[in-house]
Structures are given as structure tokens and as C-alpha cells.
Amino acid sequence: MKAQQLGFDKLSTVQQWMCEHILGIQPATPDDKPEPRTSQADKWALHLTAARQYHQREGHLKVPRKNAAREAGTSAVLPQSARLRESA
């Protein structure tokens, strides 16, 4: 039923009428709708910013495994695969 509420505008007029009058399903309010997912590009930018801040603060990019950088209320964990290497 949650799928019908979230995709109510994609249903045909007859389906909307049936949901409202027969099943008692109303369209989801803006508060009920989930927040959009974070894109891979946004995640990459967040990790890159965290890596730059760590490098500026610590002077190296040998980030401990469980390091979590927190900036402006968000947390970005630098996964081992996303860590930058220091250029010589």
C-alpha cells in the first residue's frame, strides 16, 4: 500500500478512484515521502572534501581504518579504497 501512496500520481484516474473509495488509500503527503538518494557523484565529492580536510589538518593521507570526519553536521568515512595517496 505504501507504493501506491508514494506513486499515486502515476496511477490512472480509475486506479486512483479505486484506491481512494474502495481501499481507503490516500496519496502520500510531502512529509511521508522519503528523501532523495545521494548520488555517487555527491558521495565522491563528500569523500574528496573529507580527504582534503584530513590532509590539510594532519599533513598526510594515512587515514586510520575507523576514522570518521565530521563537517557541518554530516559524517564522511573515508573508505580504504577511496583514500588518496600522497604524491611525491
Protein backbone atom coordinates (compact mmCIF):
# COMPACT_ATOMS: atom_id res chain seq x y z
CA MET A 1 0.00 0.00 0.00
CA LYS A 2 2.96 2.31 0.61
CA ALA A 3 3.97 2.02 -3.06
CA GLN A 4 0.51 3.13 -4.16
CA GLN A 5 0.63 6.09 -1.79
CA LEU A 6 4.06 7.22 -2.99
CA GLY A 7 3.27 6.67 -6.68
CA PHE A 8 -0.32 7.91 -6.52
CA ASP A 9 0.20 10.49 -9.27
CA LYS A 10 1.46 7.76 -11.61
CA LEU A 11 -1.76 5.74 -11.28
CA SER A 12 -4.56 6.15 -13.80
CA THR A 13 -7.68 8.06 -12.81
CA VAL A 14 -9.64 4.82 -12.35
CA GLN A 15 -6.88 3.32 -10.18
CA GLN A 16 -6.75 6.48 -8.06
CA TRP A 17 -10.54 6.39 -7.59
CA MET A 18 -10.41 2.70 -6.61
CA CYS A 19 -7.60 3.31 -4.13
CA GLU A 20 -9.46 6.20 -2.51
CA HIS A 21 -13.02 4.84 -2.44
CA ILE A 22 -12.64 1.07 -2.24
CA LEU A 23 -9.34 0.57 -0.40
CA GLY A 24 -9.28 3.85 1.53
CA ILE A 25 -5.74 4.71 0.38
CA GLN A 26 -4.92 8.42 0.23
CA PRO A 27 -1.94 9.96 -1.61
CA ALA A 28 1.22 10.42 0.44
CA THR A 29 1.78 13.85 1.94
CA PRO A 30 5.13 15.60 1.34
CA ASP A 31 6.15 14.63 4.90
CA ASP A 32 5.57 10.92 4.12
CA LYS A 33 7.78 10.88 1.03
CA PRO A 34 11.37 9.67 1.53
CA GLU A 35 14.28 11.98 0.88
CA PRO A 36 16.01 11.51 -2.48
CA ARG A 37 19.04 9.24 -2.51
CA THR A 38 22.55 10.67 -2.53
CA SER A 39 24.15 10.25 -5.95
CA GLN A 40 27.53 8.59 -6.41
CA ALA A 41 28.95 11.93 -7.60
CA ASP A 42 27.79 13.61 -4.38
CA LYS A 43 29.27 10.81 -2.27
CA TRP A 44 32.57 11.08 -4.16
CA ALA A 45 32.66 14.85 -3.66
CA LEU A 46 31.96 14.42 0.06
CA HIS A 47 34.77 11.87 0.42
CA LEU A 48 37.18 14.03 -1.59
CA THR A 49 36.42 17.04 0.61
CA ALA A 50 36.95 14.93 3.73
CA ALA A 51 40.27 13.64 2.37
CA ARG A 52 41.45 17.17 1.59
CA GLN A 53 40.48 18.40 5.05
CA TYR A 54 42.24 15.44 6.69
CA HIS A 55 45.38 16.04 4.62
CA GLN A 56 45.36 19.73 5.46
CA ARG A 57 44.85 19.01 9.17
CA GLU A 58 47.19 16.01 9.57
CA GLY A 59 49.71 16.56 6.76
CA HIS A 60 49.32 13.02 5.35
CA LEU A 61 46.69 10.67 3.97
CA LYS A 62 47.47 7.58 6.02
CA VAL A 63 43.94 7.59 7.38
CA PRO A 64 43.18 5.17 10.24
CA ARG A 65 40.67 2.47 9.32
CA LYS A 66 37.88 3.72 11.59
CA ASN A 67 38.37 7.45 11.04
CA ALA A 68 35.17 9.47 10.60
CA ALA A 69 35.43 13.12 9.57
CA ARG A 70 32.51 15.28 10.62
CA GLU A 71 31.90 18.58 8.87
CA ALA A 72 28.77 20.75 9.03
CA GLY A 73 26.64 18.11 10.76
CA THR A 74 27.42 15.30 8.30
CA SER A 75 29.85 12.43 8.65
CA ALA A 76 32.05 11.16 5.88
CA VAL A 77 34.01 7.99 6.42
CA LEU A 78 36.99 7.63 4.13
CA PRO A 79 36.90 4.01 2.99
CA GLN A 80 40.26 2.41 2.38
CA SER A 81 39.53 2.15 -1.36
CA ALA A 82 38.74 5.87 -1.63
CA ARG A 83 41.82 7.18 0.19
CA LEU A 84 44.16 9.33 -1.82
CA ARG A 85 47.86 8.65 -1.96
CA GLU A 86 50.37 11.33 -1.22
CA SER A 87 52.14 12.49 -4.32
CA ALA A 88 55.89 12.55 -4.06
